[in-house]
Amino acid sequence: MIRRIKYTFICAVLLSCIAPVFAQTISPELRAFNKRLIKSDVSFTFPAGFKEVKPGNTGDYRFDYGIASADNDCEIWLKVRSQKDNVAEYLRKGNKRVTNPDSLYQDMGFELAKAFKSNTDDRPLYKRSIPPFTLNRYNANLGKTYLINLADEPETKHYKFAMLVVLQKNKVGTVMAVCFANDLGPRFFSNLNRASSCLKFN
């Protein structure tokens, strides 16, 4: 009995020491991002081999959270919005009404891709629809990707390329991820693969 009490006491002491360490690993940025995730019905799993970074901002476009590969050759900025927030933002920009809230993800993605695109690149944006079997992995209904040649700007940390992924779950909201790199070689796509399951709709 005494041995069991001692064991319980030791466990309690160890847990009281460990708990503050775990609490400190949740940064204010991640805590704020978690609130946004709950509001948008999205789950996030921090990908192995990545670290937290501060995302940049371009004009009116604000991102919620940023991660980067350990060797700093790939950076990903994340943004999640509920459908209610999407509609409010659309109306705030001077639009008078929304006929189909589930289609707003297309405008959001296109406008963001244009904002990032280099002014010296006259080619049209390279856009693709995400196939259904990939959308199913994220519990999403619709989605598009954009491959972008970036302007050499401090706002995008002087990265050369970006891949923008936009996912939409009808009547729920939108997930946007911008993946930055200076080289679109095998390592970039390996990093993308490792981070590919970090966000999904519930």
Protein backbone atom coordinates (compact mmCIF):
# COMPACT_ATOMS: atom_id res chain seq x y z
CA MET A 1 0.00 0.00 0.00
CA ILE A 2 2.81 2.39 0.96
CA ARG A 3 4.68 1.45 -2.22
CA ARG A 4 1.57 2.24 -4.31
CA ILE A 5 1.17 5.63 -2.60
CA LYS A 6 4.83 6.46 -3.26
CA TYR A 7 4.45 5.43 -6.91
CA THR A 8 1.33 7.61 -7.29
CA PHE A 9 3.10 10.55 -5.66
CA ILE A 10 6.15 10.21 -7.95
CA CYS A 11 3.89 10.06 -11.03
CA ALA A 12 2.03 13.17 -9.89
CA VAL A 13 5.29 15.07 -9.35
CA LEU A 14 6.63 14.04 -12.78
CA LEU A 15 3.40 15.08 -14.50
CA SER A 16 3.45 18.44 -12.74
CA CYS A 17 6.98 19.00 -14.08
CA ILE A 18 6.20 17.83 -17.62
CA ALA A 19 2.91 19.71 -18.05
CA PRO A 20 4.46 23.21 -18.08
CA VAL A 21 6.95 22.05 -20.74
CA PHE A 22 4.11 20.93 -23.02
CA ALA A 23 2.25 24.16 -22.33
CA GLN A 24 5.28 26.19 -23.40
CA THR A 25 5.51 24.37 -26.75
CA ILE A 26 2.17 25.87 -27.83
CA SER A 27 3.11 29.33 -29.09
CA PRO A 28 0.66 32.26 -29.06
CA GLU A 29 0.53 31.98 -32.87
CA LEU A 30 -0.44 28.32 -32.73
CA ARG A 31 -2.99 28.99 -30.00
CA ALA A 32 -4.63 31.69 -32.15
CA PHE A 33 -4.48 29.39 -35.18
CA ASN A 34 -6.21 26.62 -33.21
CA LYS A 35 -9.12 28.97 -32.48
CA ARG A 36 -9.45 29.72 -36.18
CA LEU A 37 -9.33 25.98 -36.95
CA ILE A 38 -12.16 25.22 -34.54
CA LYS A 39 -14.27 28.02 -36.00
CA SER A 40 -13.70 26.68 -39.54
CA ASP A 41 -14.14 22.97 -38.62
CA VAL A 42 -10.59 22.10 -39.72
CA SER A 43 -8.00 19.92 -37.99
CA PHE A 44 -4.24 20.53 -38.04
CA THR A 45 -1.41 18.07 -37.36
CA PHE A 46 2.07 19.59 -37.12
CA PRO A 47 4.16 17.78 -39.78
CA ALA A 48 7.34 16.00 -38.76
CA GLY A 49 10.54 17.71 -39.90
CA PHE A 50 9.00 21.19 -39.87
CA LYS A 51 9.21 24.15 -37.52
CA GLU A 52 7.05 27.17 -36.83
CA VAL A 53 7.83 30.42 -38.67
CA LYS A 54 6.11 33.77 -38.96
CA PRO A 55 4.20 34.04 -42.24
CA GLY A 56 4.60 37.13 -44.39
CA ASN A 57 1.71 39.26 -45.55
CA THR A 58 0.94 40.69 -48.97
CA GLY A 59 -1.31 43.75 -49.03
CA ASP A 60 -4.76 42.82 -47.79
CA TYR A 61 -3.89 39.13 -47.58
CA ARG A 62 -3.23 37.92 -44.06
CA PHE A 63 -2.13 34.40 -43.15
CA ASP A 64 -2.84 32.61 -39.92
CA TYR A 65 0.20 30.40 -39.44
CA GLY A 66 3.52 29.44 -41.01
CA ILE A 67 5.79 26.40 -41.03
CA ALA A 68 9.12 25.69 -42.72
CA SER A 69 11.25 22.64 -43.39
CA ALA A 70 14.19 22.11 -41.04
CA ASP A 71 16.68 23.11 -43.74
CA ASN A 72 14.68 26.27 -44.62
CA ASP A 73 14.33 25.42 -48.31
CA CYS A 74 10.52 25.20 -48.18
CA GLU A 75 8.06 27.42 -46.34
CA ILE A 76 4.27 27.05 -46.10
CA TRP A 77 1.78 29.72 -45.05
CA LEU A 78 -1.68 28.63 -43.98
CA LYS A 79 -5.05 30.36 -43.92
CA VAL A 80 -8.44 28.92 -42.93
CA ARG A 81 -11.79 30.68 -43.12
CA SER A 82 -15.34 29.66 -42.34
CA GLN A 83 -17.96 30.24 -45.02
CA LYS A 84 -19.42 33.03 -42.88
CA ASP A 85 -16.03 34.76 -42.81
CA ASN A 86 -15.62 34.30 -46.57
CA VAL A 87 -18.95 35.99 -47.24
CA ALA A 88 -18.19 38.85 -44.82
CA GLU A 89 -14.80 39.47 -46.46
CA TYR A 90 -16.33 39.37 -49.95
CA LEU A 91 -18.95 41.97 -48.99
CA ARG A 92 -16.37 44.10 -47.21
CA LYS A 93 -14.54 44.49 -50.53
CA GLY A 94 -17.52 46.34 -51.98
CA ASN A 95 -19.45 43.47 -53.54
CA LYS A 96 -23.19 43.91 -53.03
CA ARG A 97 -24.34 40.32 -52.67
CA VAL A 98 -23.22 36.70 -52.78
CA THR A 99 -25.16 34.41 -55.10
CA ASN A 100 -23.24 31.22 -54.28
CA PRO A 101 -21.04 31.20 -51.15
CA ASP A 102 -19.54 27.83 -52.12
CA SER A 103 -17.99 29.38 -55.24
CA LEU A 104 -16.09 32.12 -53.40
CA TYR A 105 -13.02 29.90 -53.04
CA GLN A 106 -12.35 30.39 -56.76
CA ASP A 107 -12.22 34.18 -56.49
CA MET A 108 -10.15 33.96 -53.32
CA GLY A 109 -7.59 31.67 -54.91
CA PHE A 110 -7.35 33.60 -58.16
CA GLU A 111 -6.96 36.97 -56.42
CA LEU A 112 -4.27 35.64 -54.12
CA ALA A 113 -2.37 34.01 -57.00
CA LYS A 114 -2.50 37.30 -58.94
CA ALA A 115 -1.25 39.22 -55.89
CA PHE A 116 1.79 36.93 -55.67
CA LYS A 117 2.51 36.70 -59.41
CA SER A 118 5.50 38.60 -60.78
CA ASN A 119 4.59 41.63 -62.89
CA THR A 120 7.27 40.65 -65.39
CA ASP A 121 5.64 37.27 -66.05
CA ASP A 122 3.17 37.76 -68.92
CA ARG A 123 2.09 34.13 -69.03
CA PRO A 124 -1.37 33.20 -67.69
CA LEU A 125 -1.53 31.58 -64.27
CA TYR A 126 -1.01 27.82 -64.36
CA LYS A 127 -4.19 26.52 -62.71
CA ARG A 128 -5.48 22.99 -62.20
CA SER A 129 -8.55 21.49 -60.55
CA ILE A 130 -7.83 19.00 -57.78
CA PRO A 131 -9.21 15.54 -58.66
CA PRO A 132 -11.94 13.95 -56.51
CA PHE A 133 -9.73 11.16 -55.11
CA THR A 134 -7.35 13.80 -53.72
CA LEU A 135 -10.19 15.96 -52.39
CA ASN A 136 -11.49 12.94 -50.47
CA ARG A 137 -8.26 12.84 -48.44
CA TYR A 138 -9.13 16.27 -47.06
CA ASN A 139 -12.90 15.82 -46.76
CA ALA A 140 -13.19 18.64 -49.31
CA ASN A 141 -15.67 19.08 -52.16
CA LEU A 142 -13.73 21.36 -54.51
CA GLY A 143 -10.21 22.63 -54.95
CA LYS A 144 -7.62 24.22 -57.22
CA THR A 145 -3.85 24.60 -57.39
CA TYR A 146 -1.84 27.46 -58.88
CA LEU A 147 1.87 27.39 -59.77
CA ILE A 148 3.25 30.92 -59.53
CA ASN A 149 6.47 32.67 -60.55
CA LEU A 150 6.99 35.17 -57.75
CA ALA A 151 8.17 38.74 -57.85
CA ASP A 152 11.40 39.31 -55.92
CA GLU A 153 9.76 40.95 -52.92
CA PRO A 154 10.55 41.13 -49.18
CA GLU A 155 6.87 40.35 -48.43
CA THR A 156 7.40 36.85 -49.87
CA LYS A 157 10.91 36.61 -48.37
CA HIS A 158 12.48 36.69 -51.87
CA TYR A 159 11.31 33.18 -52.75
CA LYS A 160 11.19 32.46 -56.49
CA PHE A 161 8.25 30.06 -56.76
CA ALA A 162 4.99 29.28 -54.99
CA MET A 163 2.32 26.64 -55.22
CA LEU A 164 -1.05 27.77 -53.95
CA VAL A 165 -3.55 25.11 -52.87
CA VAL A 166 -7.19 26.09 -52.23
CA LEU A 167 -9.65 23.60 -50.73
CA GLN A 168 -13.37 24.15 -50.28
CA LYS A 169 -15.88 22.24 -48.17
CA ASN A 170 -19.39 23.27 -49.13
CA LYS A 171 -21.35 25.16 -46.45
CA VAL A 172 -18.29 24.96 -44.16
CA GLY A 173 -15.31 26.99 -45.36
CA THR A 174 -11.99 27.26 -47.15
CA VAL A 175 -8.39 26.18 -46.56
CA MET A 176 -5.51 27.92 -48.35
CA ALA A 177 -1.86 26.87 -48.28
CA VAL A 178 0.95 28.67 -50.10
CA CYS A 179 4.13 26.63 -50.46
CA PHE A 180 7.29 28.64 -51.22
CA ALA A 181 10.65 27.50 -52.62
CA ASN A 182 13.60 28.65 -54.68
CA ASP A 183 13.89 25.36 -56.54
CA LEU A 184 11.07 23.13 -57.80
CA GLY A 185 13.21 20.02 -57.66
CA PRO A 186 12.63 16.67 -55.90
CA ARG A 187 13.32 18.09 -52.44
CA PHE A 188 10.51 20.63 -52.78
CA PHE A 189 7.99 17.96 -53.69
CA SER A 190 9.33 15.71 -50.94
CA ASN A 191 8.68 18.49 -48.42
CA LEU A 192 5.22 19.03 -49.87
CA ASN A 193 4.46 15.35 -49.50
CA ARG A 194 5.53 15.38 -45.83
CA ALA A 195 3.29 18.37 -45.11
CA SER A 196 0.43 17.33 -47.37
CA SER A 197 -1.74 15.86 -44.61
CA CYS A 198 -1.29 18.60 -42.01
CA LEU A 199 -4.70 20.21 -42.70
CA LYS A 200 -8.07 18.67 -43.45
CA PHE A 201 -11.73 19.35 -42.88
CA ASN A 202 -13.40 17.38 -40.09
